[in-house]
């Protein structure tokens, strides 16, 4: 999986699981509100709201880090993915809406 010059790739849960068999070094970022993140989130995800994405991504992650993003409906994760690609991140994947996730969830 790799991004192309057109922007980030939208990937399914199944594609993500297949990716896990080959790679472990990645991050899943939730770009929803803090309240949504605390209520229900993907196990192991980190919270970076979309309005902090530019600053926090550059502070926390190398440009070649494998990054998966998700949100409530898929709209914010698409915007955040496109933003990261425009910033030079080369391995950005959009998981879309949280309701499409078939894995485990956790609550704070």
Protein backbone atom coordinates (compact mmCIF):
# COMPACT_ATOMS: atom_id res chain seq x y z
CA UNK A 1 0.00 0.00 0.00
CA UNK A 2 1.27 3.44 -0.84
CA UNK A 3 -0.20 6.82 -1.53
CA UNK A 4 -0.17 8.22 -5.00
CA UNK A 5 0.17 11.74 -6.34
CA UNK A 6 -3.63 12.06 -6.43
CA UNK A 7 -3.92 11.86 -2.67
CA UNK A 8 -4.37 9.33 0.12
CA UNK A 9 -5.84 5.89 -0.30
CA UNK A 10 -9.17 4.95 1.26
CA UNK A 11 -8.70 1.49 2.75
CA UNK A 12 -11.10 -1.03 4.25
CA UNK A 13 -10.86 -2.80 7.57
CA UNK A 14 -9.90 -5.99 5.72
CA UNK A 15 -7.05 -4.21 3.91
CA UNK A 16 -5.85 -2.86 7.26
CA UNK A 17 -5.86 -6.36 8.79
CA UNK A 18 -3.91 -7.71 5.81
CA UNK A 19 -1.44 -4.86 6.27
CA UNK A 20 -0.92 -5.87 9.93
CA UNK A 21 0.39 -9.29 8.91
CA UNK A 22 3.29 -7.57 7.15
CA UNK A 23 3.91 -4.42 9.22
CA UNK A 24 3.59 -3.47 12.85
CA UNK A 25 5.10 0.01 12.86
CA UNK A 26 2.21 2.37 12.20
CA UNK A 27 -0.20 4.73 13.93
CA UNK A 28 -4.01 5.03 13.83
CA UNK A 29 -5.21 8.60 14.36
CA UNK A 30 -8.73 9.58 15.37
CA UNK A 31 -9.55 13.07 14.08
CA UNK A 32 -12.98 13.37 15.77
CA UNK A 33 -13.87 15.49 18.79
CA UNK A 34 -12.42 14.68 22.18
CA UNK A 35 -15.87 13.67 23.44
CA UNK A 36 -16.32 11.17 20.59
CA UNK A 37 -12.81 9.79 21.15
CA UNK A 38 -13.46 9.24 24.85
CA UNK A 39 -16.83 7.62 24.21
CA UNK A 40 -15.60 5.01 21.70
CA UNK A 41 -12.34 4.63 19.85
CA UNK A 42 -10.38 2.02 17.92
CA UNK A 43 -8.08 0.08 20.24
CA UNK A 44 -4.59 1.59 20.14
CA UNK A 45 -5.59 4.75 18.31
CA UNK A 46 -4.36 8.19 19.28
CA UNK A 47 -6.41 11.37 19.26
CA UNK A 48 -5.31 14.33 17.17
CA UNK A 49 -8.21 16.62 16.30
CA UNK A 50 -8.25 17.75 12.69
CA UNK A 51 -7.61 21.38 13.71
CA UNK A 52 -4.29 20.35 15.33
CA UNK A 53 -3.20 17.94 12.59
CA UNK A 54 -0.52 20.09 10.92
CA UNK A 55 1.28 21.01 14.13
CA UNK A 56 0.98 17.66 15.88
CA UNK A 57 1.82 15.47 12.90
CA UNK A 58 5.06 17.33 12.24
CA UNK A 59 5.95 17.20 15.92
CA UNK A 60 5.21 13.48 16.39
CA UNK A 61 5.74 11.60 13.13
CA UNK A 62 8.39 11.24 10.44
CA UNK A 63 7.27 11.86 6.86
CA UNK A 64 7.60 8.13 6.08
CA UNK A 65 5.55 6.96 9.08
CA UNK A 66 2.62 4.72 8.13
CA UNK A 67 -0.48 6.64 9.18
CA UNK A 68 -4.11 5.48 9.22
CA UNK A 69 -6.87 8.01 9.96
CA UNK A 70 -10.55 7.72 10.81
CA UNK A 71 -13.46 9.87 11.96
CA UNK A 72 -17.23 9.66 12.46
CA UNK A 73 -18.43 9.84 8.85
CA UNK A 74 -15.28 9.70 6.72
CA UNK A 75 -15.32 13.40 5.80
CA UNK A 76 -12.76 14.67 8.34
CA UNK A 77 -10.43 11.71 7.82
CA UNK A 78 -10.46 12.43 4.08
CA UNK A 79 -9.54 16.08 4.70
CA UNK A 80 -6.85 15.12 7.24
CA UNK A 81 -5.39 12.50 4.88
CA UNK A 82 -5.22 14.97 2.02
CA UNK A 83 -3.59 17.52 4.32
CA UNK A 84 -0.90 15.06 5.43
CA UNK A 85 -0.13 14.08 1.84
CA UNK A 86 0.20 17.77 0.93
CA UNK A 87 2.66 18.14 3.83
CA UNK A 88 4.87 15.43 2.33
CA UNK A 89 3.74 12.36 4.24
CA UNK A 90 4.15 9.39 1.93
CA UNK A 91 2.21 6.57 3.60
CA UNK A 92 -1.21 7.93 4.54
CA UNK A 93 -4.34 5.75 4.53
CA UNK A 94 -7.90 6.81 5.19
CA UNK A 95 -9.98 4.23 7.09
CA UNK A 96 -13.05 6.44 6.73
CA UNK A 97 -15.98 6.18 9.13
CA UNK A 98 -15.63 4.47 12.50
CA UNK A 99 -18.83 2.50 11.89
CA UNK A 100 -17.00 0.60 9.11
CA UNK A 101 -14.45 -0.71 11.63
CA UNK A 102 -14.91 -4.43 12.37
CA UNK A 103 -12.23 -4.66 15.04
CA UNK A 104 -12.26 -3.92 18.75
CA UNK A 105 -13.19 -0.68 20.44
CA UNK A 106 -12.29 0.79 23.81
CA UNK A 107 -13.56 3.61 26.00
CA UNK A 108 -11.72 5.94 28.31
